Structure formats: C-alpha cells, structure tokens
Amino acid sequence: MKRILVLSLLLFPVFSMGLEIPSNLTSSHRERLTELLGPTTSIKPLTHPFPLGGYDGFEMGLSFETIDVSDLNSLGSGTDKESSLVIPKFTFAKGLYFDLDVFLEFSPLLRQEKVSEFGLLVRKSLYQSKFYPINISMSVFGSAVNVDNIFNSESYGFDLTTGITLSDLSLYLGIGQMSTSANIIGVKEGVVITDSGADESSNIEQLHTVFGMSFSYKNYFLAFQADRFQIPVYSFKLGYRL
C-alpha cells in the first residue's frame, strides 16, 4: 500500500495534462464538447468482477485515463493544445454485505492540469454460478467533472456486467446507458466561450459498452479497461486489495 502512495506522488505531476477549451462555441460544438468531456470522464471500477467481500473487502489504487480530445481543434476557434487528455485518479472501494460494493474516485485539481472529477459507483452482484467462476452484476453510478471552471457536467448511468475469473486473471464485459448534463460559461476573463456570450447548457444520452481485465499478484492487481462512448476511453489501474 505504501508503494502505491509513493508512486501516486511521483506520477501525478508527470501525467497531469493541461486542457484548453476553445472559444466561440456554437450549439453543435457545445454538444460535441459535452460528448468529449462529460461521459468519458465518469467513474470506472477497473477491478475484479466479483464482490469484494463484506468484512475485509477493501481496495485502493491509482488509475490513469486516456481520452482522445483531438476534436477540440475543430470546435469554435480551435486550440493548439494537446490532442489527448490523461487524467490521474485516486480510487477506493469497500465491500459491504449482501454482495454490495461501493467505489469512490477523485481527481484533484492540480496546477499542472485543469480537470477535477469526483465519482461514486454502487455495484450489486445479481448472479454467481455454482459450477463456473462467472458473475453477473448491476452498477449504478454518478460523476461530476469541472474543466478550468468553464465546463461543468454531471453524468449518471447504469451498467450490466458479466465477468469470469481464471486463476489470477479476470475478464469482464458490460453494457449500459448514461445521461450527461453540462453547463458551459459564456465568458471567462474577457474570452467569449459560447457564441452567444451567455451561459449555455447541453444534455446528451449515450449507450455505453465496456471491456476490462484484471491481473492479481498476491494483494496487488493491475487492471485495464476500454470504455466506448461516442469516443473510446482507455484506462489503467495499479491497486492494492485486502
């Protein structure tokens, strides 16, 4: 656990990327901005697909999400910043009784980046096979993200996931639905962000699919997850599990 904390302190400044939101955003551009930064930044479990356990089930980790934001260059007045966004997040999870797990994650707003996020996910195991290492679960979740005090969004959704464990390797697949509500300020420090110059809102709904895997070694685990919204998001996580 101490190693993960030390690694977090070392890697946060390295992987934190700044993000610049274009100005003069039209209605269609604001909707595309919401697709790029709203659902893509939502909470992701990145863990073993089976329940953590009600008594001593606990895990913590450090994850990194990679989001393709190259479309920002074609929105509004465009931007010269990077074409991909990497968001580091601290994650915590606790197993409760009745095969219920609660996940928390947050990405603090550091000087090197302009993105902060907080998310909560509750997962309930619906079915566990008696003869095969297969589990089916339902997750409901909510997340809030702030980008440079210009873009603020809240995302809510659910996923139905099935997973299988083979020795130290776990695989899982899921599908679900997500809705996102975003608010974009009109003007910041003299720069006109929206084409109207007034605060504007944007609402979208998206189908969400996910594929992930987790490899365990003693109390440590390494996880990978690929989420598909309007654009793909790839995430990695190094964690410690009791």
Protein backbone atom coordinates (compact mmCIF):
# COMPACT_ATOMS: atom_id res chain seq x y z
CA MET A 1 0.00 0.00 0.00
CA LYS A 2 2.84 2.41 0.84
CA ARG A 3 4.38 1.74 -2.56
CA ILE A 4 1.18 2.84 -4.31
CA LEU A 5 1.05 6.05 -2.29
CA VAL A 6 4.66 6.86 -3.15
CA LEU A 7 4.02 6.06 -6.82
CA SER A 8 1.00 8.36 -6.77
CA LEU A 9 3.05 11.31 -5.54
CA LEU A 10 5.70 10.69 -8.19
CA LEU A 11 3.40 10.19 -11.16
CA PHE A 12 0.68 12.77 -10.57
CA PRO A 13 2.82 15.73 -11.69
CA VAL A 14 4.18 13.76 -14.65
CA PHE A 15 0.87 12.63 -16.15
CA SER A 16 -1.29 15.64 -15.39
CA MET A 17 -2.07 17.44 -18.62
CA GLY A 18 -3.49 20.90 -19.13
CA LEU A 19 -6.60 21.33 -21.26
CA GLU A 20 -7.75 24.36 -23.21
CA ILE A 21 -11.42 24.77 -24.16
CA PRO A 22 -11.96 26.66 -27.45
CA SER A 23 -13.90 29.92 -27.63
CA ASN A 24 -16.93 30.88 -29.78
CA LEU A 25 -18.64 27.53 -29.35
CA THR A 26 -21.87 27.06 -31.30
CA SER A 27 -24.73 24.82 -30.15
CA SER A 28 -23.46 21.79 -32.08
CA HIS A 29 -19.92 22.42 -30.84
CA ARG A 30 -21.13 22.60 -27.25
CA GLU A 31 -22.84 19.25 -27.68
CA ARG A 32 -19.63 17.75 -29.08
CA LEU A 33 -17.67 19.25 -26.18
CA THR A 34 -20.07 17.53 -23.78
CA GLU A 35 -19.52 14.21 -25.58
CA LEU A 36 -15.75 14.65 -25.29
CA LEU A 37 -15.53 15.65 -21.62
CA GLY A 38 -18.77 14.55 -19.94
CA PRO A 39 -19.40 10.77 -20.01
CA THR A 40 -15.79 9.96 -20.89
CA THR A 41 -14.52 11.22 -17.51
CA SER A 42 -17.12 9.29 -15.45
CA ILE A 43 -16.19 6.78 -12.75
CA LYS A 44 -14.85 3.39 -13.86
CA PRO A 45 -14.41 0.42 -11.48
CA LEU A 46 -11.26 -1.15 -13.02
CA THR A 47 -11.35 -4.12 -10.68
CA HIS A 48 -12.18 -7.78 -10.15
CA PRO A 49 -15.72 -8.52 -11.47
CA PHE A 50 -16.69 -10.46 -8.31
CA PRO A 51 -17.86 -8.92 -4.99
CA LEU A 52 -15.06 -7.63 -2.76
CA GLY A 53 -16.48 -9.24 0.38
CA GLY A 54 -18.44 -7.80 3.27
CA TYR A 55 -15.97 -7.98 6.14
CA ASP A 56 -12.40 -7.26 5.00
CA GLY A 57 -13.06 -6.43 1.33
CA PHE A 58 -11.21 -3.19 0.63
CA GLU A 59 -9.06 -1.89 -2.19
CA MET A 60 -7.33 1.31 -3.21
CA GLY A 61 -5.44 2.30 -6.31
CA LEU A 62 -4.13 4.85 -8.75
CA SER A 63 -5.62 4.93 -12.24
CA PHE A 64 -4.90 6.83 -15.45
CA GLU A 65 -7.49 7.52 -18.14
CA THR A 66 -6.56 8.44 -21.71
CA ILE A 67 -9.17 10.37 -23.71
CA ASP A 68 -8.85 11.43 -27.34
CA VAL A 69 -9.80 15.13 -27.38
CA SER A 70 -8.34 15.93 -30.81
CA ASP A 71 -11.78 17.14 -31.95
CA LEU A 72 -11.29 20.21 -29.77
CA ASN A 73 -9.12 21.57 -32.56
CA SER A 74 -12.16 21.74 -34.86
CA LEU A 75 -14.57 23.33 -32.35
CA GLY A 76 -15.18 27.07 -32.22
CA SER A 77 -11.95 29.00 -32.67
CA GLY A 78 -9.91 25.82 -32.15
CA THR A 79 -6.99 25.21 -29.82
CA ASP A 80 -3.29 24.49 -30.16
CA LYS A 81 -3.13 22.30 -27.06
CA GLU A 82 -2.61 18.53 -26.87
CA SER A 83 -4.84 16.08 -28.74
CA SER A 84 -5.15 13.62 -25.85
CA LEU A 85 -6.02 14.07 -22.19
CA VAL A 86 -4.60 11.90 -19.41
CA ILE A 87 -6.45 12.09 -16.08
CA PRO A 88 -4.94 10.52 -12.95
CA LYS A 89 -7.39 9.42 -10.27
CA PHE A 90 -7.27 8.04 -6.74
CA THR A 91 -9.74 5.19 -6.28
CA PHE A 92 -11.14 3.46 -3.19
CA ALA A 93 -13.64 0.60 -2.83
CA LYS A 94 -15.27 -1.20 0.09
CA GLY A 95 -17.23 -4.40 0.04
CA LEU A 96 -20.42 -4.49 2.06
CA TYR A 97 -22.75 -7.32 2.95
CA PHE A 98 -25.28 -8.88 0.55
CA ASP A 99 -22.69 -8.78 -2.30
CA LEU A 100 -22.77 -4.98 -2.44
CA ASP A 101 -19.68 -2.87 -3.24
CA VAL A 102 -19.16 0.89 -3.10
CA PHE A 103 -16.49 2.65 -5.21
CA LEU A 104 -15.22 6.21 -4.83
CA GLU A 105 -12.77 8.07 -7.06
CA PHE A 106 -11.49 11.60 -7.35
CA SER A 107 -9.01 13.57 -9.38
CA PRO A 108 -7.84 16.69 -7.53
CA LEU A 109 -7.31 19.90 -9.46
CA LEU A 110 -3.53 20.33 -9.64
CA ARG A 111 -1.56 23.22 -11.07
CA GLN A 112 -0.39 21.08 -13.98
CA GLU A 113 -3.94 20.20 -15.05
CA LYS A 114 -7.33 21.86 -15.35
CA VAL A 115 -9.59 18.87 -14.72
CA SER A 116 -11.09 17.75 -11.42
CA GLU A 117 -13.55 14.87 -11.03
CA PHE A 118 -15.46 13.00 -8.35
CA GLY A 119 -17.46 9.83 -8.79
CA LEU A 120 -19.49 7.27 -6.83
CA LEU A 121 -20.44 3.79 -8.05
CA VAL A 122 -22.53 1.11 -6.30
CA ARG A 123 -22.29 -2.46 -7.60
CA LYS A 124 -24.62 -5.33 -6.73
CA SER A 125 -23.91 -8.95 -7.67
CA LEU A 126 -27.04 -10.45 -9.22
CA TYR A 127 -25.88 -13.97 -10.02
CA GLN A 128 -22.91 -16.21 -9.23
CA SER A 129 -22.63 -19.62 -10.85
CA LYS A 130 -22.19 -22.58 -8.50
CA PHE A 131 -20.17 -24.55 -11.04
CA TYR A 132 -18.23 -21.92 -13.02
CA PRO A 133 -16.35 -18.76 -11.96
CA ILE A 134 -18.94 -16.49 -13.59
CA ASN A 135 -20.64 -13.46 -12.07
CA ILE A 136 -23.32 -11.03 -13.31
CA SER A 137 -23.67 -7.65 -11.62
CA MET A 138 -25.52 -4.35 -11.93
CA SER A 139 -23.83 -0.99 -11.31
CA VAL A 140 -25.36 2.44 -10.85
CA PHE A 141 -23.11 5.48 -10.78
CA GLY A 142 -22.78 9.22 -10.85
CA SER A 143 -19.88 11.58 -11.58
CA ALA A 144 -19.19 15.30 -11.65
CA VAL A 145 -16.35 16.97 -13.59
CA ASN A 146 -15.00 20.51 -13.76
CA VAL A 147 -12.70 21.69 -16.54
CA ASP A 148 -10.94 25.00 -15.94
CA ASN A 149 -14.09 26.44 -14.30
CA ILE A 150 -15.55 26.69 -17.82
CA PHE A 151 -17.14 23.30 -18.37
CA ASN A 152 -19.10 21.58 -15.58
CA SER A 153 -21.04 18.38 -16.06
CA GLU A 154 -22.83 15.64 -14.15
CA SER A 155 -23.24 12.13 -15.53
CA TYR A 156 -25.49 9.34 -14.28
CA GLY A 157 -25.99 5.84 -15.56
CA PHE A 158 -26.08 2.10 -15.09
CA ASP A 159 -24.21 -0.92 -16.45
CA LEU A 160 -24.98 -4.62 -16.58
CA THR A 161 -21.71 -6.56 -16.44
CA THR A 162 -20.72 -10.22 -16.68
CA GLY A 163 -17.28 -11.44 -15.64
CA ILE A 164 -15.21 -14.59 -15.38
CA THR A 165 -12.11 -15.39 -13.33
CA LEU A 166 -9.41 -17.80 -14.47
CA SER A 167 -6.79 -18.23 -11.76
CA ASP A 168 -5.22 -14.74 -11.33
CA LEU A 169 -6.80 -13.27 -14.47
CA SER A 170 -10.31 -11.81 -14.62
CA LEU A 171 -12.22 -10.64 -17.70
CA TYR A 172 -15.48 -8.71 -17.88
CA LEU A 173 -17.88 -7.23 -20.43
CA GLY A 174 -20.69 -4.77 -19.89
CA ILE A 175 -23.31 -2.57 -21.48
CA GLY A 176 -25.39 0.26 -20.13
CA GLN A 177 -26.87 3.71 -20.56
CA MET A 178 -25.65 7.13 -19.46
CA SER A 179 -27.07 10.65 -19.40
CA THR A 180 -24.98 13.81 -19.05
CA SER A 181 -25.97 17.39 -18.26
CA ALA A 182 -23.35 20.09 -18.83
CA ASN A 183 -23.09 23.81 -18.21
CA ILE A 184 -20.66 26.00 -20.16
CA ILE A 185 -19.99 29.55 -19.03
CA GLY A 186 -20.35 32.34 -21.59
CA VAL A 187 -17.33 34.49 -20.78
CA LYS A 188 -14.18 33.92 -18.73
CA GLU A 189 -11.53 36.59 -18.18
CA GLY A 190 -12.71 38.51 -21.24
CA VAL A 191 -12.72 35.48 -23.53
CA VAL A 192 -16.10 34.68 -25.09
CA ILE A 193 -16.56 30.91 -24.74
CA THR A 194 -20.05 30.47 -26.20
CA ASP A 195 -21.17 32.14 -29.41
CA SER A 196 -23.99 33.87 -27.52
CA GLY A 197 -21.72 35.15 -24.74
CA ALA A 198 -24.18 33.71 -22.20
CA ASP A 199 -24.00 30.59 -20.06
CA GLU A 200 -25.33 27.63 -22.03
CA SER A 201 -26.33 24.05 -21.18
CA SER A 202 -26.12 20.78 -23.10
CA ASN A 203 -27.78 17.42 -22.44
CA ILE A 204 -26.94 14.09 -24.05
CA GLU A 205 -27.70 10.39 -23.61
CA GLN A 206 -25.38 7.66 -24.75
CA LEU A 207 -25.09 3.90 -24.93
CA HIS A 208 -22.04 2.68 -23.01
CA THR A 209 -20.09 -0.54 -23.55
CA VAL A 210 -17.07 -1.74 -21.58
CA PHE A 211 -14.41 -4.43 -21.69
CA GLY A 212 -11.90 -4.94 -18.92
CA MET A 213 -9.36 -7.28 -17.40
CA SER A 214 -7.60 -7.55 -14.06
CA PHE A 215 -4.46 -9.47 -13.13
CA SER A 216 -3.73 -10.19 -9.47
CA TYR A 217 -0.43 -10.89 -7.76
CA LYS A 218 -0.76 -11.51 -4.02
CA ASN A 219 -2.53 -8.38 -2.69
CA TYR A 220 -1.68 -6.25 -5.74
CA PHE A 221 -3.53 -6.04 -9.03
CA LEU A 222 -3.16 -4.39 -12.41
CA ALA A 223 -6.31 -3.58 -14.39
CA PHE A 224 -7.11 -2.37 -17.89
CA GLN A 225 -10.48 -1.14 -19.13
CA ALA A 226 -11.72 0.05 -22.52
CA ASP A 227 -14.93 2.10 -22.50
CA ARG A 228 -16.84 3.00 -25.61
CA PHE A 229 -18.95 6.15 -25.66
CA GLN A 230 -19.03 8.36 -28.76
CA ILE A 231 -15.25 8.08 -28.46
CA PRO A 232 -13.16 5.36 -26.77
CA VAL A 233 -11.50 5.79 -23.39
CA TYR A 234 -8.62 3.58 -22.19
CA SER A 235 -7.80 3.27 -18.50
CA PHE A 236 -5.11 1.55 -16.44
CA LYS A 237 -5.01 1.00 -12.70
CA LEU A 238 -2.46 -0.23 -10.17
CA GLY A 239 -4.14 -1.23 -6.95
CA TYR A 240 -3.86 -2.95 -3.58
CA ARG A 241 -6.60 -5.27 -2.31
CA LEU A 242 -7.16 -6.77 1.13
